[in-house]
Amino acid sequence: MIIGVPKEIKNNENRVALTPAGAAELVERGHQVFVQSTAGDGSGFEDEEYHSVGAKTLATIEEVYKTAEMIVKVKEPIEPEYSLIRANQLLFTYFHFASSEELTHAMLKTKAVCCAYETVEKTDRSLPLLVPMSEVAGRMSIQQGAKYLEKPIKGRGILLGGVPGVKPAKVLILGGGIVGTQAAKMAAGLGAHVTIMDVSLPRLRVLDDIMPANVDTMMSSRYNIMQELPHADLIIGAVLIPGAKAPKLITRDMLKLMRPGTVMVDVAVDQGGCFETTRATTHENPTYILEDVVHYCVANMPGAVPYTSTLALTNATLPYVLQLADKGWKKACSDNRDLQLGLNVVQGKVVYANVASDWNLPFTPVAEVLA
């Protein structure tokens, strides 16, 4: 198969979808790999490293899309890329269709095959291609939150871990999955007082067992959230419903319960955000202030640490890329249920139920397009 790796063009997105080591694996199996020139620069991988393992470089993004049967990316295509995508071309990337009706309709129009990293799901309900970036984003959410709590950036002027004789900051984390767990570990390690909420009592029991003494667990409900907001200095939104919009756990009215300078970091922004006041921001302009509350809603947080993120992502995606390349998308998805669940839009049809529901579109069972 001919695999293409375009350079990411989303704002301040420095990751690349395939490392030279990943390209080497594909070449060794007889596949052709075409990487856009300088695509790896932001992550610390030069063109020569791809050349040395048998991959080739192309000068422009147009050439990559025109040449490749399968496009492997990090982030969803954006408007300048829509016209480059061909019918029946396979795209393997993070799509997050639930956050963008425009993207959904654009991909339907191309009649391409869209396999989304974020909905590849194992039988234990884990999301193997979302986990590595969720780990990065969860840890980063505390780094960023701690920074934006500083007074020059309009935060409350609180040191997350406090100092002897001065209490630490209070961190409220909504969601006890991968993002929430990693955020809690980071915040607790810095000495903050952490409360982590989830709707699953079994999950709260696990967290209660593994977390240090400065982390409390609490059942998530509207009432409990409202009780905690007046005391929180930093709030992390870490809720995920696979392939669907995130629920709005904090409404605009609730901002009035918070103290001026409180910081909210919405890691769920890729799925529409779990705060009603969330709007996607960029690394260039990461925050805005509403009701004296600082909102940090960067939609590609791991893009700020591309070397770590690219290695972590390729570690997870490469086994699936190899299956798709070796077998073609139909056989690979028929043979592997995990990969089959990654199919969201196929040749002009929505085959993932949550995406169809979110945008009120006709739903086609995936078995029909695999037949």
Protein backbone atom coordinates (compact mmCIF):
# COMPACT_ATOMS: atom_id res chain seq x y z
CA MET A 1 0.00 0.00 0.00
CA ILE A 2 1.06 3.60 -0.52
CA ILE A 3 0.99 5.50 2.79
CA GLY A 4 1.13 9.28 2.95
CA VAL A 5 2.08 11.40 5.96
CA PRO A 6 1.23 15.09 5.45
CA LYS A 7 2.59 17.90 7.56
CA GLU A 8 0.05 19.00 10.17
CA ILE A 9 -1.33 22.46 9.43
CA LYS A 10 -3.55 23.05 12.45
CA ASN A 11 -2.44 26.03 14.57
CA ASN A 12 0.75 25.20 16.47
CA GLU A 13 0.42 21.47 15.79
CA ASN A 14 4.00 20.20 15.84
CA ARG A 15 3.36 16.46 16.02
CA VAL A 16 3.83 14.08 13.10
CA ALA A 17 1.80 10.90 12.60
CA LEU A 18 4.70 8.54 11.94
CA THR A 19 8.24 8.36 13.31
CA PRO A 20 11.16 7.13 11.20
CA ALA A 21 10.99 3.89 13.21
CA GLY A 22 7.34 3.47 12.22
CA ALA A 23 8.16 4.21 8.59
CA ALA A 24 10.89 1.55 8.71
CA GLU A 25 8.38 -1.10 9.83
CA LEU A 26 6.09 -0.30 6.89
CA VAL A 27 8.91 -0.26 4.35
CA GLU A 28 10.21 -3.62 5.60
CA ARG A 29 6.77 -5.10 4.85
CA GLY A 30 6.93 -3.88 1.27
CA HIS A 31 4.81 -0.74 1.59
CA GLN A 32 5.71 2.67 0.17
CA VAL A 33 5.84 5.59 2.58
CA PHE A 34 5.71 9.21 1.40
CA VAL A 35 6.27 11.91 4.02
CA GLN A 36 5.81 15.60 3.30
CA SER A 37 9.13 17.39 3.54
CA THR A 38 9.79 18.86 7.04
CA ALA A 39 6.67 17.11 8.46
CA GLY A 40 8.79 15.68 11.28
CA ASP A 41 10.80 18.81 12.07
CA GLY A 42 8.51 19.96 14.87
CA SER A 43 8.90 16.62 16.62
CA GLY A 44 12.67 16.46 16.12
CA PHE A 45 12.75 14.09 13.12
CA GLU A 46 14.55 15.32 10.00
CA ASP A 47 13.82 14.30 6.41
CA GLU A 48 17.11 12.42 6.22
CA GLU A 49 15.97 10.09 9.02
CA TYR A 50 12.99 9.06 6.91
CA HIS A 51 15.18 8.69 3.81
CA SER A 52 17.56 6.43 5.74
CA VAL A 53 14.83 3.83 6.36
CA GLY A 54 13.53 3.83 2.79
CA ALA A 55 10.73 6.39 3.00
CA LYS A 56 10.50 9.16 0.41
CA THR A 57 9.64 12.82 0.87
CA LEU A 58 7.34 14.97 -1.23
CA ALA A 59 7.53 18.74 -1.32
CA THR A 60 3.87 19.65 -0.87
CA ILE A 61 0.77 18.51 0.97
CA GLU A 62 -1.06 18.32 -2.37
CA GLU A 63 1.45 15.73 -3.65
CA VAL A 64 1.06 13.61 -0.50
CA TYR A 65 -2.73 13.45 -0.79
CA LYS A 66 -2.57 12.82 -4.53
CA THR A 67 -0.08 9.96 -4.17
CA ALA A 68 -1.32 8.07 -1.10
CA GLU A 69 -3.93 5.35 -0.77
CA MET A 70 -3.90 5.79 3.02
CA ILE A 71 -3.30 9.07 4.80
CA VAL A 72 -2.00 8.82 8.36
CA LYS A 73 -2.37 12.03 10.36
CA VAL A 74 -2.49 13.34 13.90
CA LYS A 75 -5.32 15.88 13.79
CA GLU A 76 -8.51 16.03 11.76
CA PRO A 77 -8.33 17.55 8.27
CA ILE A 78 -9.13 21.26 8.21
CA GLU A 79 -10.76 23.29 5.44
CA PRO A 80 -7.70 23.68 3.14
CA GLU A 81 -7.38 19.87 3.07
CA TYR A 82 -10.99 19.00 2.25
CA SER A 83 -10.59 19.36 -1.51
CA LEU A 84 -7.42 17.23 -1.48
CA ILE A 85 -9.16 14.11 -0.15
CA ARG A 86 -10.28 11.58 -2.75
CA ALA A 87 -13.20 9.16 -2.84
CA ASN A 88 -12.28 5.79 -1.29
CA GLN A 89 -9.05 7.20 0.15
CA LEU A 90 -8.45 5.89 3.69
CA LEU A 91 -7.80 8.50 6.39
CA PHE A 92 -6.57 7.31 9.79
CA THR A 93 -6.39 10.11 12.35
CA TYR A 94 -8.14 11.80 15.27
CA PHE A 95 -11.42 13.09 13.80
CA HIS A 96 -13.63 13.98 16.81
CA PHE A 97 -16.65 14.32 14.52
CA ALA A 98 -18.90 15.06 17.49
CA SER A 99 -17.27 18.46 17.87
CA SER A 100 -17.67 19.62 14.25
CA GLU A 101 -20.72 19.37 12.03
CA GLU A 102 -18.75 21.09 9.26
CA LEU A 103 -16.05 18.40 9.30
CA THR A 104 -18.65 15.62 9.33
CA HIS A 105 -20.42 16.96 6.23
CA ALA A 106 -17.10 17.66 4.50
CA MET A 107 -15.94 14.07 4.95
CA LEU A 108 -19.31 12.72 3.83
CA LYS A 109 -18.94 14.79 0.66
CA THR A 110 -15.47 13.38 -0.11
CA LYS A 111 -16.76 9.78 0.07
CA ALA A 112 -13.48 8.83 1.77
CA VAL A 113 -13.07 6.13 4.41
CA CYS A 114 -12.59 7.82 7.78
CA CYS A 115 -11.20 5.67 10.58
CA ALA A 116 -10.95 7.62 13.84
CA TYR A 117 -8.26 6.95 16.43
CA GLU A 118 -10.54 8.04 19.25
CA THR A 119 -13.22 5.37 18.68
CA VAL A 120 -10.95 2.34 18.19
CA GLU A 121 -12.09 0.38 21.22
CA LYS A 122 -10.98 -2.86 22.87
CA THR A 123 -13.37 -5.42 24.36
CA ASP A 124 -12.68 -4.06 27.86
CA ARG A 125 -14.03 -0.66 26.63
CA SER A 126 -10.57 0.93 26.74
CA LEU A 127 -9.55 3.28 23.92
CA PRO A 128 -5.97 2.31 23.03
CA LEU A 129 -5.30 5.16 20.58
CA LEU A 130 -6.81 7.84 22.81
CA VAL A 131 -4.96 6.69 25.94
CA PRO A 132 -1.45 8.01 25.12
CA MET A 133 -2.67 11.50 24.22
CA SER A 134 -5.08 11.48 27.17
CA GLU A 135 -2.12 10.72 29.42
CA VAL A 136 -0.21 13.65 27.95
CA ALA A 137 -3.20 16.01 28.09
CA GLY A 138 -4.08 15.01 31.66
CA ARG A 139 -0.59 15.79 32.89
CA MET A 140 -0.39 18.97 30.83
CA SER A 141 -3.71 20.22 32.20
CA ILE A 142 -2.12 20.64 35.62
CA GLN A 143 1.02 22.29 34.23
CA GLN A 144 -1.09 24.79 32.33
CA GLY A 145 -3.57 25.25 35.15
CA ALA A 146 -0.77 25.97 37.62
CA LYS A 147 0.68 28.58 35.25
CA TYR A 148 -2.62 30.35 34.64
CA LEU A 149 -3.34 30.55 38.35
CA GLU A 150 -0.55 33.14 38.49
CA LYS A 151 -1.72 36.73 39.00
CA PRO A 152 -0.01 38.31 35.94
CA ILE A 153 -2.14 36.00 33.78
CA LYS A 154 -5.31 37.01 35.71
CA GLY A 155 -5.39 33.92 37.91
CA ARG A 156 -6.01 33.92 41.65
CA GLY A 157 -2.32 34.25 42.43
CA ILE A 158 -2.05 30.85 44.13
CA LEU A 159 0.89 28.44 44.13
CA LEU A 160 -0.60 25.02 43.43
CA GLY A 161 1.29 23.20 46.18
CA GLY A 162 1.39 26.01 48.73
CA VAL A 163 4.34 26.38 51.10
CA PRO A 164 4.86 25.57 54.80
CA GLY A 165 2.32 27.58 56.74
CA VAL A 166 0.16 28.34 53.67
CA LYS A 167 -2.50 25.94 52.40
CA PRO A 168 -2.16 24.53 48.86
CA ALA A 169 -4.62 25.18 46.04
CA LYS A 170 -7.78 23.10 45.68
CA VAL A 171 -8.16 21.22 42.41
CA LEU A 172 -11.49 19.81 41.23
CA ILE A 173 -11.32 17.15 38.49
CA LEU A 174 -14.49 16.13 36.64
CA GLY A 175 -14.01 12.62 35.31
CA GLY A 176 -11.98 9.72 36.65
CA GLY A 177 -10.77 8.19 33.39
CA ILE A 178 -7.29 8.42 31.88
CA VAL A 179 -7.19 12.23 31.73
CA GLY A 180 -8.61 12.66 35.22
CA THR A 181 -6.33 10.05 36.74
CA GLN A 182 -3.19 11.56 35.22
CA ALA A 183 -4.29 15.07 36.22
CA ALA A 184 -4.91 13.91 39.79
CA LYS A 185 -1.47 12.28 39.99
CA MET A 186 0.24 15.45 38.79
CA ALA A 187 -1.75 17.78 41.04
CA ALA A 188 -1.30 15.54 44.07
CA GLY A 189 2.42 15.22 43.37
CA LEU A 190 2.73 19.01 43.44
CA GLY A 191 1.02 19.06 46.83
CA ALA A 192 -2.44 20.36 45.88
CA HIS A 193 -5.61 19.22 47.60
CA VAL A 194 -7.50 17.27 44.93
CA THR A 195 -11.12 16.18 44.59
CA ILE A 196 -11.89 13.86 41.67
CA MET A 197 -15.49 13.18 40.62
CA ASP A 198 -16.99 10.42 38.52
CA VAL A 199 -20.41 8.85 37.99
CA SER A 200 -19.02 5.31 38.39
CA LEU A 201 -18.78 4.06 41.96
CA PRO A 202 -16.50 1.14 40.97
CA ARG A 203 -14.13 3.62 39.34
CA LEU A 204 -14.15 5.82 42.44
CA ARG A 205 -13.26 2.77 44.54
CA VAL A 206 -10.25 2.09 42.31
CA LEU A 207 -9.14 5.72 42.51
CA ASP A 208 -9.59 5.74 46.27
CA ASP A 209 -7.23 2.75 46.52
CA ILE A 210 -4.48 4.06 44.24
CA MET A 211 -4.40 7.78 45.00
CA PRO A 212 -2.37 9.43 47.79
CA ALA A 213 -3.94 10.90 50.91
CA ASN A 214 -4.36 14.40 49.44
CA VAL A 215 -6.86 13.10 46.84
CA ASP A 216 -10.53 12.72 47.76
CA THR A 217 -13.11 10.95 45.59
CA MET A 218 -16.70 12.11 45.22
CA MET A 219 -19.75 10.98 43.28
CA SER A 220 -20.43 13.37 40.41
CA SER A 221 -23.79 15.12 40.32
CA ARG A 222 -24.99 18.62 39.55
CA TYR A 223 -25.57 19.26 43.26
CA ASN A 224 -22.11 18.04 44.30
CA ILE A 225 -20.39 20.03 41.56
CA MET A 226 -22.15 23.19 42.65
CA GLN A 227 -21.11 22.56 46.26
CA GLU A 228 -17.44 22.30 45.24
CA LEU A 229 -17.17 25.20 42.78
CA PRO A 230 -16.97 28.02 45.38
CA HIS A 231 -13.90 26.36 46.93
CA ALA A 232 -12.02 25.25 43.79
CA ASP A 233 -9.02 27.17 42.48
CA LEU A 234 -8.42 24.97 39.43
CA ILE A 235 -11.07 22.88 37.64
CA ILE A 236 -10.18 20.21 35.08
CA GLY A 237 -12.83 18.98 32.63
CA ALA A 238 -11.93 15.37 31.86
CA VAL A 239 -15.18 13.76 30.72
CA LEU A 240 -15.44 11.47 27.71
CA ILE A 241 -18.30 9.66 26.00
CA PRO A 242 -16.64 7.80 23.09
CA GLY A 243 -17.54 9.34 19.76
CA ALA A 244 -20.21 11.63 21.23
CA LYS A 245 -20.44 15.19 22.51
CA ALA A 246 -19.26 15.72 26.07
CA PRO A 247 -22.01 16.59 28.57
CA LYS A 248 -22.08 20.20 29.81
CA LEU A 249 -21.30 19.73 33.49
CA ILE A 250 -20.64 23.39 34.29
CA THR A 251 -23.15 25.90 32.95
CA ARG A 252 -22.65 29.61 32.39
CA ASP A 253 -24.71 30.39 35.51
CA MET A 254 -22.36 28.28 37.62
CA LEU A 255 -19.44 30.61 36.83
CA LYS A 256 -20.98 33.05 39.32
CA LEU A 257 -20.33 30.52 42.09
CA MET A 258 -16.56 30.71 41.51
CA ARG A 259 -14.08 33.20 42.89
CA PRO A 260 -12.44 35.69 40.50
CA GLY A 261 -9.28 34.19 39.02
CA THR A 262 -10.44 30.58 39.20
CA VAL A 263 -8.98 28.61 36.27
CA MET A 264 -10.91 26.06 34.20
CA VAL A 265 -9.05 23.72 31.82
CA ASP A 266 -11.36 21.82 29.45
CA VAL A 267 -9.55 18.76 28.14
CA ALA A 268 -12.88 17.58 26.66
CA VAL A 269 -12.80 20.46 24.14
CA ASP A 270 -12.08 18.02 21.27
CA GLN A 271 -15.53 16.51 21.90
CA GLY A 272 -17.27 19.85 22.25
CA GLY A 273 -16.20 20.57 25.83
CA CYS A 274 -17.81 19.82 29.20
CA PHE A 275 -18.26 23.48 30.16
CA GLU A 276 -21.11 25.41 28.55
CA THR A 277 -18.79 28.40 28.07
CA THR A 278 -16.07 26.41 26.31
CA ARG A 279 -14.88 27.56 22.92
CA ALA A 280 -11.81 26.04 21.30
CA THR A 281 -8.60 28.06 21.64
CA THR A 282 -5.06 27.65 20.31
CA HIS A 283 -1.58 27.54 21.78
CA GLU A 284 -1.11 30.99 20.29
CA ASN A 285 -4.11 32.42 22.18
CA PRO A 286 -4.87 29.77 24.81
CA THR A 287 -7.17 31.57 27.26
CA TYR A 288 -10.11 33.90 27.57
CA ILE A 289 -11.96 35.27 30.60
CA LEU A 290 -15.70 35.11 31.29
CA GLU A 291 -17.25 36.21 34.60
CA ASP A 292 -13.69 36.71 35.92
CA VAL A 293 -12.99 32.99 35.36
CA VAL A 294 -9.97 32.03 33.22
CA HIS A 295 -10.82 29.45 30.54
CA TYR A 296 -8.04 27.34 28.95
CA CYS A 297 -9.55 25.33 26.07
CA VAL A 298 -6.73 24.43 23.67
CA ALA A 299 -7.96 21.74 21.30
CA ASN A 300 -4.57 20.10 20.67
CA MET A 301 -2.80 20.31 24.02
CA PRO A 302 -0.29 17.49 23.32
CA GLY A 303 0.90 19.45 20.27
CA ALA A 304 2.91 21.63 22.66
CA VAL A 305 5.13 18.67 23.62
CA PRO A 306 5.50 17.06 20.18
CA TYR A 307 8.55 14.90 20.78
CA THR A 308 6.93 13.05 23.69
CA SER A 309 3.53 13.02 22.01
CA THR A 310 4.71 11.73 18.64
CA LEU A 311 6.62 8.82 20.16
CA ALA A 312 3.71 7.93 22.46
CA LEU A 313 1.19 8.13 19.62
CA THR A 314 3.20 6.06 17.13
CA ASN A 315 3.75 3.40 19.79
CA ALA A 316 -0.02 2.98 19.96
CA THR A 317 -1.10 3.54 16.34
CA LEU A 318 1.58 1.59 14.45
CA PRO A 319 0.13 -1.93 15.03
CA TYR A 320 -3.18 -0.72 13.55
CA VAL A 321 -1.49 1.13 10.67
CA LEU A 322 0.32 -2.11 9.81
CA GLN A 323 -2.94 -4.07 9.78
CA LEU A 324 -4.64 -1.53 7.52
CA ALA A 325 -1.66 -1.45 5.16
CA ASP A 326 -1.18 -5.22 5.05
CA LYS A 327 -4.83 -6.19 4.58
CA GLY A 328 -6.64 -3.12 3.25
CA TRP A 329 -9.29 -1.36 5.33
CA LYS A 330 -12.18 -3.76 4.66
CA LYS A 331 -10.40 -6.97 5.63
CA ALA A 332 -8.48 -5.34 8.50
CA CYS A 333 -11.70 -3.95 10.00
CA SER A 334 -13.58 -7.22 9.41
CA ASP A 335 -10.83 -9.21 11.14
CA ASN A 336 -10.35 -6.81 14.06
CA ARG A 337 -13.41 -5.58 15.97
CA ASP A 338 -11.33 -2.93 17.77
CA LEU A 339 -10.37 -1.37 14.44
CA GLN A 340 -13.89 -1.80 13.05
CA LEU A 341 -15.20 0.50 15.78
CA GLY A 342 -12.84 3.17 14.46
CA LEU A 343 -14.88 3.49 11.27
CA ASN A 344 -17.03 6.63 11.53
CA VAL A 345 -17.71 7.81 7.96
CA VAL A 346 -17.38 5.46 4.99
CA GLN A 347 -17.96 6.42 1.36
CA GLY A 348 -20.61 9.02 2.13
CA LYS A 349 -22.31 7.15 4.97
CA VAL A 350 -22.17 7.65 8.75
CA VAL A 351 -21.44 4.25 10.30
CA TYR A 352 -20.89 5.33 13.92
CA ALA A 353 -24.16 5.70 15.83
CA ASN A 354 -23.14 8.54 18.15
CA VAL A 355 -21.99 10.72 15.25
CA ALA A 356 -25.25 10.13 13.38
CA SER A 357 -27.23 10.96 16.52
CA ASP A 358 -25.24 14.11 17.32
CA TRP A 359 -25.84 15.65 13.89
CA ASN A 360 -29.23 14.08 13.11
CA LEU A 361 -27.88 12.18 10.12
CA PRO A 362 -28.91 8.81 8.67
CA PHE A 363 -27.07 5.89 10.27
CA THR A 364 -25.74 2.91 8.32
CA PRO A 365 -24.62 -0.17 10.30
CA VAL A 366 -20.93 -0.79 9.73
CA ALA A 367 -21.65 -4.39 8.69
CA GLU A 368 -23.31 -3.08 5.53
CA VAL A 369 -20.20 -1.26 4.30
CA LEU A 370 -17.97 -4.22 5.18
CA ALA A 371 -20.15 -6.73 3.34
